[in-house]
Amino acid sequence: MSHFARLNTKMTVREYLTGELEDLSYQCEEGDVEIRGYDGNRTRVQIRVPTANAGYDIGFTESGGSYALIADWWGIEDVQPEAFVRDLTKRYAYRAARATLEEQGFALVDEEVAEDGRLHLTLRRTA
């Protein structure tokens, strides 16, 4: 019996996703790779994130234009699923917003983190 859970996300750009995983200190392996779960079960993904829990990985697979997160959380003790998804989503949104604004000719002038964790960006359009 498989314990893999699948969570569809709104993340669509692989480079942003892998960049944020690395920013959050997770190593990732890209390609046609497998993640491991309970009782040696495996499933194919495009991005594999090893964990400190022997035999258990976190994975991402492209599905319908966005990435789905797949993991057997039952055996992953060092990563809390809710915190992982929250932190990754927040960082992904930040990277996507910055990239989009830079494409539109804006340059980052200042960046502040509020006490509640919200980011405040000051941008200026360059000529």
C-alpha atoms as a PDB file:
ATOM      1  CA  MET A   1       0.000   0.000   0.000  1.00  0.00           C
ATOM      2  CA  SER A   2       1.374   3.389  -1.001  1.00  0.00           C
ATOM      3  CA  HIS A   3       1.394   6.325   1.385  1.00  0.00           C
ATOM      4  CA  PHE A   4       2.294   8.928  -1.244  1.00  0.00           C
ATOM      5  CA  ALA A   5       0.267  12.123  -0.930  1.00  0.00           C
ATOM      6  CA  ARG A   6      -0.121  14.484  -3.874  1.00  0.00           C
ATOM      7  CA  LEU A   7      -0.667  18.240  -3.550  1.00  0.00           C
ATOM      8  CA  ASN A   8      -1.302  20.281  -6.683  1.00  0.00           C
ATOM      9  CA  THR A   9       0.351  23.697  -6.645  1.00  0.00           C
ATOM     10  CA  LYS A  10       0.226  26.826  -8.780  1.00  0.00           C
ATOM     11  CA  MET A  11       3.988  26.713  -9.355  1.00  0.00           C
ATOM     12  CA  THR A  12       4.685  26.617 -13.097  1.00  0.00           C
ATOM     13  CA  VAL A  13       8.326  27.636 -13.647  1.00  0.00           C
ATOM     14  CA  ARG A  14      10.875  24.922 -12.884  1.00  0.00           C
ATOM     15  CA  GLU A  15      13.767  27.379 -12.448  1.00  0.00           C
ATOM     16  CA  TYR A  16      11.891  29.338  -9.773  1.00  0.00           C
ATOM     17  CA  LEU A  17      10.934  26.127  -7.976  1.00  0.00           C
ATOM     18  CA  THR A  18      14.429  24.630  -7.955  1.00  0.00           C
ATOM     19  CA  GLY A  19      15.967  28.006  -7.095  1.00  0.00           C
ATOM     20  CA  GLU A  20      13.730  28.394  -4.064  1.00  0.00           C
ATOM     21  CA  LEU A  21      14.367  24.836  -2.915  1.00  0.00           C
ATOM     22  CA  GLU A  22      18.086  25.630  -2.949  1.00  0.00           C
ATOM     23  CA  ASP A  23      17.495  28.992  -1.205  1.00  0.00           C
ATOM     24  CA  LEU A  24      15.686  27.047   1.525  1.00  0.00           C
ATOM     25  CA  SER A  25      18.753  24.741   1.819  1.00  0.00           C
ATOM     26  CA  TYR A  26      17.251  21.724   0.041  1.00  0.00           C
ATOM     27  CA  GLN A  27      19.302  19.908  -2.557  1.00  0.00           C
ATOM     28  CA  CYS A  28      17.391  18.779  -5.618  1.00  0.00           C
ATOM     29  CA  GLU A  29      17.995  16.364  -8.445  1.00  0.00           C
ATOM     30  CA  GLU A  30      16.299  17.006 -11.783  1.00  0.00           C
ATOM     31  CA  GLY A  31      15.387  14.638 -14.604  1.00  0.00           C
ATOM     32  CA  ASP A  32      13.460  11.407 -14.811  1.00  0.00           C
ATOM     33  CA  VAL A  33      14.052  10.378 -11.196  1.00  0.00           C
ATOM     34  CA  GLU A  34      12.251   8.389  -8.513  1.00  0.00           C
ATOM     35  CA  ILE A  35      11.283   9.230  -4.966  1.00  0.00           C
ATOM     36  CA  ARG A  36      11.077   6.614  -2.247  1.00  0.00           C
ATOM     37  CA  GLY A  37       8.443   6.011   0.369  1.00  0.00           C
ATOM     38  CA  TYR A  38       7.042   3.428   2.761  1.00  0.00           C
ATOM     39  CA  ASP A  39       8.122  -0.180   2.309  1.00  0.00           C
ATOM     40  CA  GLY A  40      10.398   0.693  -0.626  1.00  0.00           C
ATOM     41  CA  ASN A  41       7.569   2.067  -2.777  1.00  0.00           C
ATOM     42  CA  ARG A  42       8.766   4.371  -5.544  1.00  0.00           C
ATOM     43  CA  THR A  43       7.177   6.831  -7.942  1.00  0.00           C
ATOM     44  CA  ARG A  44       8.592   8.836 -10.859  1.00  0.00           C
ATOM     45  CA  VAL A  45       9.006  12.622 -10.615  1.00  0.00           C
ATOM     46  CA  GLN A  46      10.924  15.370 -12.435  1.00  0.00           C
ATOM     47  CA  ILE A  47      12.461  16.903  -9.282  1.00  0.00           C
ATOM     48  CA  ARG A  48      13.660  14.867  -6.290  1.00  0.00           C
ATOM     49  CA  VAL A  49      14.481  16.381  -2.910  1.00  0.00           C
ATOM     50  CA  PRO A  50      16.285  13.941  -0.611  1.00  0.00           C
ATOM     51  CA  THR A  51      15.503  14.161   3.096  1.00  0.00           C
ATOM     52  CA  ALA A  52      17.470  13.134   6.177  1.00  0.00           C
ATOM     53  CA  ASN A  53      15.035  10.230   6.578  1.00  0.00           C
ATOM     54  CA  ALA A  54      16.490   7.102   4.999  1.00  0.00           C
ATOM     55  CA  GLY A  55      14.243   5.794   2.237  1.00  0.00           C
ATOM     56  CA  TYR A  56      11.980   8.860   2.006  1.00  0.00           C
ATOM     57  CA  ASP A  57      12.133  11.734  -0.492  1.00  0.00           C
ATOM     58  CA  ILE A  58      10.021  14.696  -1.569  1.00  0.00           C
ATOM     59  CA  GLY A  59       9.243  15.061  -5.264  1.00  0.00           C
ATOM     60  CA  PHE A  60       7.670  17.367  -7.800  1.00  0.00           C
ATOM     61  CA  THR A  61       6.089  16.322 -11.062  1.00  0.00           C
ATOM     62  CA  GLU A  62       4.720  18.523 -13.831  1.00  0.00           C
ATOM     63  CA  SER A  63       1.013  18.015 -14.303  1.00  0.00           C
ATOM     64  CA  GLY A  64      -1.278  20.153 -16.438  1.00  0.00           C
ATOM     65  CA  GLY A  65       1.103  23.098 -16.634  1.00  0.00           C
ATOM     66  CA  SER A  66       1.988  23.274 -12.934  1.00  0.00           C
ATOM     67  CA  TYR A  67       3.948  21.192 -10.462  1.00  0.00           C
ATOM     68  CA  ALA A  68       2.441  18.768  -7.990  1.00  0.00           C
ATOM     69  CA  LEU A  69       4.233  17.968  -4.737  1.00  0.00           C
ATOM     70  CA  ILE A  70       4.453  14.257  -3.948  1.00  0.00           C
ATOM     71  CA  ALA A  71       5.759  12.740  -0.718  1.00  0.00           C
ATOM     72  CA  ASP A  72       5.180   9.988   1.781  1.00  0.00           C
ATOM     73  CA  TRP A  73       5.013  12.311   4.794  1.00  0.00           C
ATOM     74  CA  TRP A  74       4.468   9.353   7.113  1.00  0.00           C
ATOM     75  CA  GLY A  75       8.218   8.666   7.136  1.00  0.00           C
ATOM     76  CA  ILE A  76       9.559  12.210   6.857  1.00  0.00           C
ATOM     77  CA  GLU A  77      10.209  13.438  10.371  1.00  0.00           C
ATOM     78  CA  ASP A  78      12.566  16.381   9.796  1.00  0.00           C
ATOM     79  CA  VAL A  79      10.263  18.349   7.457  1.00  0.00           C
ATOM     80  CA  GLN A  80       6.804  19.546   8.485  1.00  0.00           C
ATOM     81  CA  PRO A  81       4.540  19.455   5.403  1.00  0.00           C
ATOM     82  CA  GLU A  82       2.573  22.623   6.194  1.00  0.00           C
ATOM     83  CA  ALA A  83       5.697  24.689   6.907  1.00  0.00           C
ATOM     84  CA  PHE A  84       7.485  23.275   3.842  1.00  0.00           C
ATOM     85  CA  VAL A  85       4.611  24.175   1.498  1.00  0.00           C
ATOM     86  CA  ARG A  86       4.088  27.593   3.112  1.00  0.00           C
ATOM     87  CA  ASP A  87       7.755  28.585   2.939  1.00  0.00           C
ATOM     88  CA  LEU A  88       8.236  27.265  -0.580  1.00  0.00           C
ATOM     89  CA  THR A  89       5.072  28.953  -1.880  1.00  0.00           C
ATOM     90  CA  LYS A  90       6.030  32.268  -0.292  1.00  0.00           C
ATOM     91  CA  ARG A  91       9.549  32.187  -1.759  1.00  0.00           C
ATOM     92  CA  TYR A  92       8.262  31.047  -5.165  1.00  0.00           C
ATOM     93  CA  ALA A  93       5.783  33.949  -5.296  1.00  0.00           C
ATOM     94  CA  TYR A  94       8.573  36.364  -4.366  1.00  0.00           C
ATOM     95  CA  ARG A  95      10.877  35.068  -7.121  1.00  0.00           C
ATOM     96  CA  ALA A  96       8.084  35.061  -9.728  1.00  0.00           C
ATOM     97  CA  ALA A  97       7.003  38.614  -8.832  1.00  0.00           C
ATOM     98  CA  ARG A  98      10.572  39.922  -9.001  1.00  0.00           C
ATOM     99  CA  ALA A  99      11.188  38.262 -12.373  1.00  0.00           C
ATOM    100  CA  THR A 100       7.931  39.589 -13.831  1.00  0.00           C
ATOM    101  CA  LEU A 101       8.601  43.130 -12.610  1.00  0.00           C
ATOM    102  CA  GLU A 102      12.172  43.062 -13.925  1.00  0.00           C
ATOM    103  CA  GLU A 103      10.841  41.946 -17.326  1.00  0.00           C
ATOM    104  CA  GLN A 104       8.571  45.012 -17.235  1.00  0.00           C
ATOM    105  CA  GLY A 105      11.564  47.305 -16.668  1.00  0.00           C
ATOM    106  CA  PHE A 106      11.469  47.685 -12.886  1.00  0.00           C
ATOM    107  CA  ALA A 107      14.585  47.543 -10.729  1.00  0.00           C
ATOM    108  CA  LEU A 108      14.635  46.664  -7.030  1.00  0.00           C
ATOM    109  CA  VAL A 109      15.586  49.669  -4.912  1.00  0.00           C
ATOM    110  CA  ASP A 110      14.862  48.361  -1.425  1.00  0.00           C
ATOM    111  CA  GLU A 111      13.495  45.280   0.287  1.00  0.00           C
ATOM    112  CA  GLU A 112      12.209  45.127   3.858  1.00  0.00           C
ATOM    113  CA  VAL A 113      10.786  42.279   5.908  1.00  0.00           C
ATOM    114  CA  ALA A 114       8.035  43.340   8.326  1.00  0.00           C
ATOM    115  CA  GLU A 115       7.739  41.840  11.805  1.00  0.00           C
ATOM    116  CA  ASP A 116       4.849  39.678  10.611  1.00  0.00           C
ATOM    117  CA  GLY A 117       7.026  38.273   7.801  1.00  0.00           C
ATOM    118  CA  ARG A 118       5.510  40.254   4.937  1.00  0.00           C
ATOM    119  CA  LEU A 119       7.914  41.535   2.321  1.00  0.00           C
ATOM    120  CA  HIS A 120       7.829  45.140   1.186  1.00  0.00           C
ATOM    121  CA  LEU A 121       9.589  45.839  -2.096  1.00  0.00           C
ATOM    122  CA  THR A 122      10.415  49.280  -3.406  1.00  0.00           C
ATOM    123  CA  LEU A 123      10.888  49.293  -7.144  1.00  0.00           C
ATOM    124  CA  ARG A 124      11.789  51.885  -9.718  1.00  0.00           C
ATOM    125  CA  ARG A 125      11.132  51.693 -13.423  1.00  0.00           C
ATOM    126  CA  THR A 126      14.289  52.081 -15.442  1.00  0.00           C
ATOM    127  CA  ALA A 127      14.301  53.803 -18.806  1.00  0.00           C
END
